[in-house]
Amino acid sequence: MYKRIRDLREDADMTQVQIAKILNCSQRVYSNYERGDIDIPTEILIKLANFHDVSVDYILGRTNKRELNK
């Protein structure tokens, strides 16, 4: 999961600071999410999934299908 959120951020050509601002948290907290030092709250998982237009299951590694069914 942690590698996925880093990969999604990098694919979007965004910095940790930029993503942290979107998530309304500090860069340090977001960095901790990417490293797996702290658990990612459900609310943040949902925000990340919505922002990157992927499912929470994709972020959690439950599926490798990146696209959402629309």
PDB file of N, CA and C in Angstrom:
ATOM      1  N   MET A   1       0.826  -1.190   0.000  1.00  0.00           N
ATOM      2  CA  MET A   1       0.000   0.000   0.000  1.00  0.00           C
ATOM      3  C   MET A   1       0.871   1.255   0.000  1.00  0.00           C
ATOM      4  N   TYR A   2       1.936   1.248   0.776  1.00  0.00           N
ATOM      5  CA  TYR A   2       2.748   2.456   0.906  1.00  0.00           C
ATOM      6  C   TYR A   2       3.483   2.776  -0.392  1.00  0.00           C
ATOM      7  N   LYS A   3       3.969   1.739  -1.058  1.00  0.00           N
ATOM      8  CA  LYS A   3       4.616   1.950  -2.354  1.00  0.00           C
ATOM      9  C   LYS A   3       3.604   2.480  -3.369  1.00  0.00           C
ATOM     10  N   ARG A   4       2.371   1.993  -3.276  1.00  0.00           N
ATOM     11  CA  ARG A   4       1.351   2.445  -4.229  1.00  0.00           C
ATOM     12  C   ARG A   4       1.063   3.929  -4.082  1.00  0.00           C
ATOM     13  N   ILE A   5       0.955   4.409  -2.845  1.00  0.00           N
ATOM     14  CA  ILE A   5       0.645   5.844  -2.726  1.00  0.00           C
ATOM     15  C   ILE A   5       1.826   6.690  -3.187  1.00  0.00           C
ATOM     16  N   ARG A   6       3.041   6.200  -2.968  1.00  0.00           N
ATOM     17  CA  ARG A   6       4.211   6.935  -3.479  1.00  0.00           C
ATOM     18  C   ARG A   6       4.207   6.916  -5.013  1.00  0.00           C
ATOM     19  N   ASP A   7       3.961   5.733  -5.598  1.00  0.00           N
ATOM     20  CA  ASP A   7       3.936   5.621  -7.056  1.00  0.00           C
ATOM     21  C   ASP A   7       2.849   6.508  -7.665  1.00  0.00           C
ATOM     22  N   LEU A   8       1.680   6.538  -7.048  1.00  0.00           N
ATOM     23  CA  LEU A   8       0.597   7.396  -7.555  1.00  0.00           C
ATOM     24  C   LEU A   8       1.002   8.864  -7.511  1.00  0.00           C
ATOM     25  N   ARG A   9       1.629   9.269  -6.417  1.00  0.00           N
ATOM     26  CA  ARG A   9       2.088  10.662  -6.296  1.00  0.00           C
ATOM     27  C   ARG A   9       3.127  10.975  -7.357  1.00  0.00           C
ATOM     28  N   GLU A  10       4.080  10.081  -7.524  1.00  0.00           N
ATOM     29  CA  GLU A  10       5.132  10.314  -8.518  1.00  0.00           C
ATOM     30  C   GLU A  10       4.571  10.303  -9.936  1.00  0.00           C
ATOM     31  N   ASP A  11       3.619   9.422 -10.209  1.00  0.00           N
ATOM     32  CA  ASP A  11       2.983   9.394 -11.536  1.00  0.00           C
ATOM     33  C   ASP A  11       2.268  10.703 -11.840  1.00  0.00           C
ATOM     34  N   ALA A  12       1.774  11.358 -10.789  1.00  0.00           N
ATOM     35  CA  ALA A  12       1.098  12.647 -10.956  1.00  0.00           C
ATOM     36  C   ALA A  12       2.089  13.814 -10.947  1.00  0.00           C
ATOM     37  N   ASP A  13       3.394  13.502 -10.881  1.00  0.00           N
ATOM     38  CA  ASP A  13       4.449  14.528 -10.830  1.00  0.00           C
ATOM     39  C   ASP A  13       4.198  15.540  -9.717  1.00  0.00           C
ATOM     40  N   MET A  14       3.877  15.017  -8.537  1.00  0.00           N
ATOM     41  CA  MET A  14       3.603  15.881  -7.393  1.00  0.00           C
ATOM     42  C   MET A  14       4.600  15.604  -6.273  1.00  0.00           C
ATOM     43  N   THR A  15       4.839  16.619  -5.471  1.00  0.00           N
ATOM     44  CA  THR A  15       5.705  16.468  -4.308  1.00  0.00           C
ATOM     45  C   THR A  15       4.871  16.031  -3.109  1.00  0.00           C
ATOM     46  N   GLN A  16       5.557  15.592  -2.074  1.00  0.00           N
ATOM     47  CA  GLN A  16       4.863  15.256  -0.830  1.00  0.00           C
ATOM     48  C   GLN A  16       4.169  16.489  -0.257  1.00  0.00           C
ATOM     49  N   VAL A  17       4.789  17.628  -0.401  1.00  0.00           N
ATOM     50  CA  VAL A  17       4.198  18.868   0.103  1.00  0.00           C
ATOM     51  C   VAL A  17       2.870  19.148  -0.596  1.00  0.00           C
ATOM     52  N   GLN A  18       2.834  18.965  -1.912  1.00  0.00           N
ATOM     53  CA  GLN A  18       1.605  19.231  -2.663  1.00  0.00           C
ATOM     54  C   GLN A  18       0.482  18.279  -2.253  1.00  0.00           C
ATOM     55  N   ILE A  19       0.798  16.991  -2.137  1.00  0.00           N
ATOM     56  CA  ILE A  19      -0.226  16.020  -1.731  1.00  0.00           C
ATOM     57  C   ILE A  19      -0.676  16.294  -0.305  1.00  0.00           C
ATOM     58  N   ALA A  20       0.263  16.599   0.572  1.00  0.00           N
ATOM     59  CA  ALA A  20      -0.086  16.888   1.965  1.00  0.00           C
ATOM     60  C   ALA A  20      -1.053  18.058   2.051  1.00  0.00           C
ATOM     61  N   LYS A  21      -0.840  19.060   1.235  1.00  0.00           N
ATOM     62  CA  LYS A  21      -1.737  20.225   1.232  1.00  0.00           C
ATOM     63  C   LYS A  21      -3.147  19.807   0.822  1.00  0.00           C
ATOM     64  N   ILE A  22      -3.254  18.963  -0.184  1.00  0.00           N
ATOM     65  CA  ILE A  22      -4.566  18.473  -0.641  1.00  0.00           C
ATOM     66  C   ILE A  22      -5.250  17.680   0.464  1.00  0.00           C
ATOM     67  N   LEU A  23      -4.453  16.903   1.206  1.00  0.00           N
ATOM     68  CA  LEU A  23      -5.002  16.059   2.269  1.00  0.00           C
ATOM     69  C   LEU A  23      -5.166  16.814   3.587  1.00  0.00           C
ATOM     70  N   ASN A  24      -4.729  18.071   3.603  1.00  0.00           N
ATOM     71  CA  ASN A  24      -4.820  18.894   4.806  1.00  0.00           C
ATOM     72  C   ASN A  24      -4.022  18.298   5.967  1.00  0.00           C
ATOM     73  N   CYS A  25      -2.789  17.891   5.644  1.00  0.00           N
ATOM     74  CA  CYS A  25      -1.882  17.394   6.679  1.00  0.00           C
ATOM     75  C   CYS A  25      -0.493  17.947   6.373  1.00  0.00           C
ATOM     76  N   SER A  26       0.431  17.722   7.255  1.00  0.00           N
ATOM     77  CA  SER A  26       1.796  18.208   7.028  1.00  0.00           C
ATOM     78  C   SER A  26       2.555  17.257   6.104  1.00  0.00           C
ATOM     79  N   GLN A  27       3.642  17.766   5.534  1.00  0.00           N
ATOM     80  CA  GLN A  27       4.480  16.925   4.685  1.00  0.00           C
ATOM     81  C   GLN A  27       5.061  15.796   5.508  1.00  0.00           C
ATOM     82  N   ARG A  28       5.403  16.059   6.760  1.00  0.00           N
ATOM     83  CA  ARG A  28       5.979  15.026   7.619  1.00  0.00           C
ATOM     84  C   ARG A  28       4.990  13.877   7.840  1.00  0.00           C
ATOM     85  N   VAL A  29       3.729  14.211   8.095  1.00  0.00           N
ATOM     86  CA  VAL A  29       2.713  13.169   8.291  1.00  0.00           C
ATOM     87  C   VAL A  29       2.556  12.365   7.005  1.00  0.00           C
ATOM     88  N   TYR A  30       2.464  13.068   5.870  1.00  0.00           N
ATOM     89  CA  TYR A  30       2.320  12.349   4.602  1.00  0.00           C
ATOM     90  C   TYR A  30       3.525  11.458   4.336  1.00  0.00           C
ATOM     91  N   SER A  31       4.711  11.956   4.613  1.00  0.00           N
ATOM     92  CA  SER A  31       5.921  11.152   4.446  1.00  0.00           C
ATOM     93  C   SER A  31       5.840   9.883   5.300  1.00  0.00           C
ATOM     94  N   ASN A  32       5.335  10.022   6.513  1.00  0.00           N
ATOM     95  CA  ASN A  32       5.155   8.853   7.382  1.00  0.00           C
ATOM     96  C   ASN A  32       4.182   7.850   6.777  1.00  0.00           C
ATOM     97  N   TYR A  33       3.142   8.338   6.094  1.00  0.00           N
ATOM     98  CA  TYR A  33       2.217   7.432   5.399  1.00  0.00           C
ATOM     99  C   TYR A  33       2.964   6.646   4.328  1.00  0.00           C
ATOM    100  N   GLU A  34       3.750   7.347   3.502  1.00  0.00           N
ATOM    101  CA  GLU A  34       4.465   6.690   2.406  1.00  0.00           C
ATOM    102  C   GLU A  34       5.488   5.674   2.910  1.00  0.00           C
ATOM    103  N   ARG A  35       6.103   5.947   4.026  1.00  0.00           N
ATOM    104  CA  ARG A  35       7.104   5.026   4.576  1.00  0.00           C
ATOM    105  C   ARG A  35       6.460   3.894   5.369  1.00  0.00           C
ATOM    106  N   GLY A  36       5.190   4.029   5.689  1.00  0.00           N
ATOM    107  CA  GLY A  36       4.523   3.003   6.477  1.00  0.00           C
ATOM    108  C   GLY A  36       4.796   3.132   7.962  1.00  0.00           C
ATOM    109  N   ASP A  37       5.272   4.295   8.372  1.00  0.00           N
ATOM    110  CA  ASP A  37       5.566   4.510   9.786  1.00  0.00           C
ATOM    111  C   ASP A  37       4.303   4.672  10.622  1.00  0.00           C
ATOM    112  N   ILE A  38       3.248   5.181   9.989  1.00  0.00           N
ATOM    113  CA  ILE A  38       1.958   5.296  10.668  1.00  0.00           C
ATOM    114  C   ILE A  38       0.866   4.786   9.732  1.00  0.00           C
ATOM    115  N   ASP A  39      -0.190   4.268  10.325  1.00  0.00           N
ATOM    116  CA  ASP A  39      -1.318   3.784   9.531  1.00  0.00           C
ATOM    117  C   ASP A  39      -2.041   4.960   8.888  1.00  0.00           C
ATOM    118  N   ILE A  40      -2.542   4.708   7.702  1.00  0.00           N
ATOM    119  CA  ILE A  40      -3.278   5.742   6.977  1.00  0.00           C
ATOM    120  C   ILE A  40      -4.743   5.657   7.391  1.00  0.00           C
ATOM    121  N   PRO A  41      -5.294   6.739   7.937  1.00  0.00           N
ATOM    122  CA  PRO A  41      -6.704   6.717   8.323  1.00  0.00           C
ATOM    123  C   PRO A  41      -7.615   6.508   7.108  1.00  0.00           C
ATOM    124  N   THR A  42      -8.748   5.896   7.350  1.00  0.00           N
ATOM    125  CA  THR A  42      -9.709   5.612   6.275  1.00  0.00           C
ATOM    126  C   THR A  42     -10.054   6.876   5.503  1.00  0.00           C
ATOM    127  N   GLU A  43     -10.273   7.966   6.199  1.00  0.00           N
ATOM    128  CA  GLU A  43     -10.626   9.237   5.553  1.00  0.00           C
ATOM    129  C   GLU A  43      -9.552   9.657   4.555  1.00  0.00           C
ATOM    130  N   ILE A  44      -8.290   9.473   4.900  1.00  0.00           N
ATOM    131  CA  ILE A  44      -7.186   9.837   4.017  1.00  0.00           C
ATOM    132  C   ILE A  44      -7.105   8.874   2.833  1.00  0.00           C
ATOM    133  N   LEU A  45      -7.326   7.585   3.088  1.00  0.00           N
ATOM    134  CA  LEU A  45      -7.356   6.608   1.985  1.00  0.00           C
ATOM    135  C   LEU A  45      -8.407   6.993   0.951  1.00  0.00           C
ATOM    136  N   ILE A  46      -9.568   7.381   1.424  1.00  0.00           N
ATOM    137  CA  ILE A  46     -10.655   7.766   0.514  1.00  0.00           C
ATOM    138  C   ILE A  46     -10.266   9.016  -0.271  1.00  0.00           C
ATOM    139  N   LYS A  47      -9.683  10.005   0.409  1.00  0.00           N
ATOM    140  CA  LYS A  47      -9.242  11.225  -0.285  1.00  0.00           C
ATOM    141  C   LYS A  47      -8.194  10.907  -1.347  1.00  0.00           C
ATOM    142  N   LEU A  48      -7.245  10.045  -1.004  1.00  0.00           N
ATOM    143  CA  LEU A  48      -6.207   9.666  -1.969  1.00  0.00           C
ATOM    144  C   LEU A  48      -6.817   8.952  -3.174  1.00  0.00           C
ATOM    145  N   ALA A  49      -7.721   8.023  -2.910  1.00  0.00           N
ATOM    146  CA  ALA A  49      -8.368   7.282  -4.002  1.00  0.00           C
ATOM    147  C   ALA A  49      -9.144   8.237  -4.903  1.00  0.00           C
ATOM    148  N   ASN A  50      -9.891   9.138  -4.304  1.00  0.00           N
ATOM    149  CA  ASN A  50     -10.666  10.098  -5.105  1.00  0.00           C
ATOM    150  C   ASN A  50      -9.751  11.011  -5.911  1.00  0.00           C
ATOM    151  N   PHE A  51      -8.686  11.492  -5.287  1.00  0.00           N
ATOM    152  CA  PHE A  51      -7.781  12.396  -5.978  1.00  0.00           C
ATOM    153  C   PHE A  51      -7.116  11.712  -7.171  1.00  0.00           C
ATOM    154  N   HIS A  52      -6.656  10.483  -6.968  1.00  0.00           N
ATOM    155  CA  HIS A  52      -5.937   9.770  -8.030  1.00  0.00           C
ATOM    156  C   HIS A  52      -6.873   8.991  -8.953  1.00  0.00           C
ATOM    157  N   ASP A  53      -8.169   9.042  -8.669  1.00  0.00           N
ATOM    158  CA  ASP A  53      -9.179   8.367  -9.488  1.00  0.00           C
ATOM    159  C   ASP A  53      -8.920   6.861  -9.568  1.00  0.00           C
ATOM    160  N   VAL A  54      -8.627   6.281  -8.403  1.00  0.00           N
ATOM    161  CA  VAL A  54      -8.455   4.831  -8.277  1.00  0.00           C
ATOM    162  C   VAL A  54      -9.317   4.360  -7.110  1.00  0.00           C
ATOM    163  N   SER A  55      -9.464   3.062  -6.988  1.00  0.00           N
ATOM    164  CA  SER A  55     -10.238   2.533  -5.865  1.00  0.00           C
ATOM    165  C   SER A  55      -9.367   2.420  -4.616  1.00  0.00           C
ATOM    166  N   VAL A  56     -10.019   2.423  -3.475  1.00  0.00           N
ATOM    167  CA  VAL A  56      -9.310   2.176  -2.222  1.00  0.00           C
ATOM    168  C   VAL A  56      -8.697   0.777  -2.275  1.00  0.00           C
ATOM    169  N   ASP A  57      -9.402  -0.175  -2.897  1.00  0.00           N
ATOM    170  CA  ASP A  57      -8.863  -1.531  -3.035  1.00  0.00           C
ATOM    171  C   ASP A  57      -7.538  -1.524  -3.797  1.00  0.00           C
ATOM    172  N   TYR A  58      -7.409  -0.662  -4.800  1.00  0.00           N
ATOM    173  CA  TYR A  58      -6.147  -0.572  -5.534  1.00  0.00           C
ATOM    174  C   TYR A  58      -5.039  -0.083  -4.599  1.00  0.00           C
ATOM    175  N   ILE A  59      -5.325   0.960  -3.826  1.00  0.00           N
ATOM    176  CA  ILE A  59      -4.323   1.481  -2.899  1.00  0.00           C
ATOM    177  C   ILE A  59      -3.935   0.425  -1.875  1.00  0.00           C
ATOM    178  N   LEU A  60      -4.915  -0.327  -1.398  1.00  0.00           N
ATOM    179  CA  LEU A  60      -4.654  -1.346  -0.383  1.00  0.00           C
ATOM    180  C   LEU A  60      -3.992  -2.597  -0.949  1.00  0.00           C
ATOM    181  N   GLY A  61      -3.890  -2.678  -2.283  1.00  0.00           N
ATOM    182  CA  GLY A  61      -3.260  -3.837  -2.900  1.00  0.00           C
ATOM    183  C   GLY A  61      -4.188  -5.025  -3.050  1.00  0.00           C
ATOM    184  N   ARG A  62      -5.481  -4.804  -2.907  1.00  0.00           N
ATOM    185  CA  ARG A  62      -6.451  -5.896  -3.051  1.00  0.00           C
ATOM    186  C   ARG A  62      -6.763  -6.181  -4.505  1.00  0.00           C
ATOM    187  N   THR A  63      -6.399  -5.262  -5.391  1.00  0.00           N
ATOM    188  CA  THR A  63      -6.562  -5.443  -6.826  1.00  0.00           C
ATOM    189  C   THR A  63      -5.416  -4.718  -7.522  1.00  0.00           C
ATOM    190  N   ASN A  64      -5.078  -5.187  -8.696  1.00  0.00           N
ATOM    191  CA  ASN A  64      -4.074  -4.500  -9.505  1.00  0.00           C
ATOM    192  C   ASN A  64      -4.729  -3.657 -10.591  1.00  0.00           C
ATOM    193  N   LYS A  65      -6.060  -3.675 -10.623  1.00  0.00           N
ATOM    194  CA  LYS A  65      -6.812  -2.898 -11.604  1.00  0.00           C
ATOM    195  C   LYS A  65      -6.865  -1.440 -11.142  1.00  0.00           C
ATOM    196  N   ARG A  66      -6.204  -0.606 -11.872  1.00  0.00           N
ATOM    197  CA  ARG A  66      -6.084   0.800 -11.482  1.00  0.00           C
ATOM    198  C   ARG A  66      -7.332   1.615 -11.804  1.00  0.00           C
ATOM    199  N   GLU A  67      -8.022   1.274 -12.896  1.00  0.00           N
ATOM    200  CA  GLU A  67      -9.179   2.052 -13.323  1.00  0.00           C
ATOM    201  C   GLU A  67     -10.389   1.744 -12.441  1.00  0.00           C
ATOM    202  N   LEU A  68     -11.200   2.763 -12.254  1.00  0.00           N
ATOM    203  CA  LEU A  68     -12.470   2.580 -11.555  1.00  0.00           C
ATOM    204  C   LEU A  68     -13.516   2.121 -12.552  1.00  0.00           C
ATOM    205  N   ASN A  69     -14.462   1.336 -12.095  1.00  0.00           N
ATOM    206  CA  ASN A  69     -15.614   0.965 -12.934  1.00  0.00           C
ATOM    207  C   ASN A  69     -16.580   2.124 -12.917  1.00  0.00           C
ATOM    208  N   LYS A  70     -16.773   2.723 -14.072  1.00  0.00           N
ATOM    209  CA  LYS A  70     -17.702   3.869 -14.144  1.00  0.00           C
ATOM    210  C   LYS A  70     -18.801   3.578 -15.117  1.00  0.00           C
TER     211      LYS A  70
END
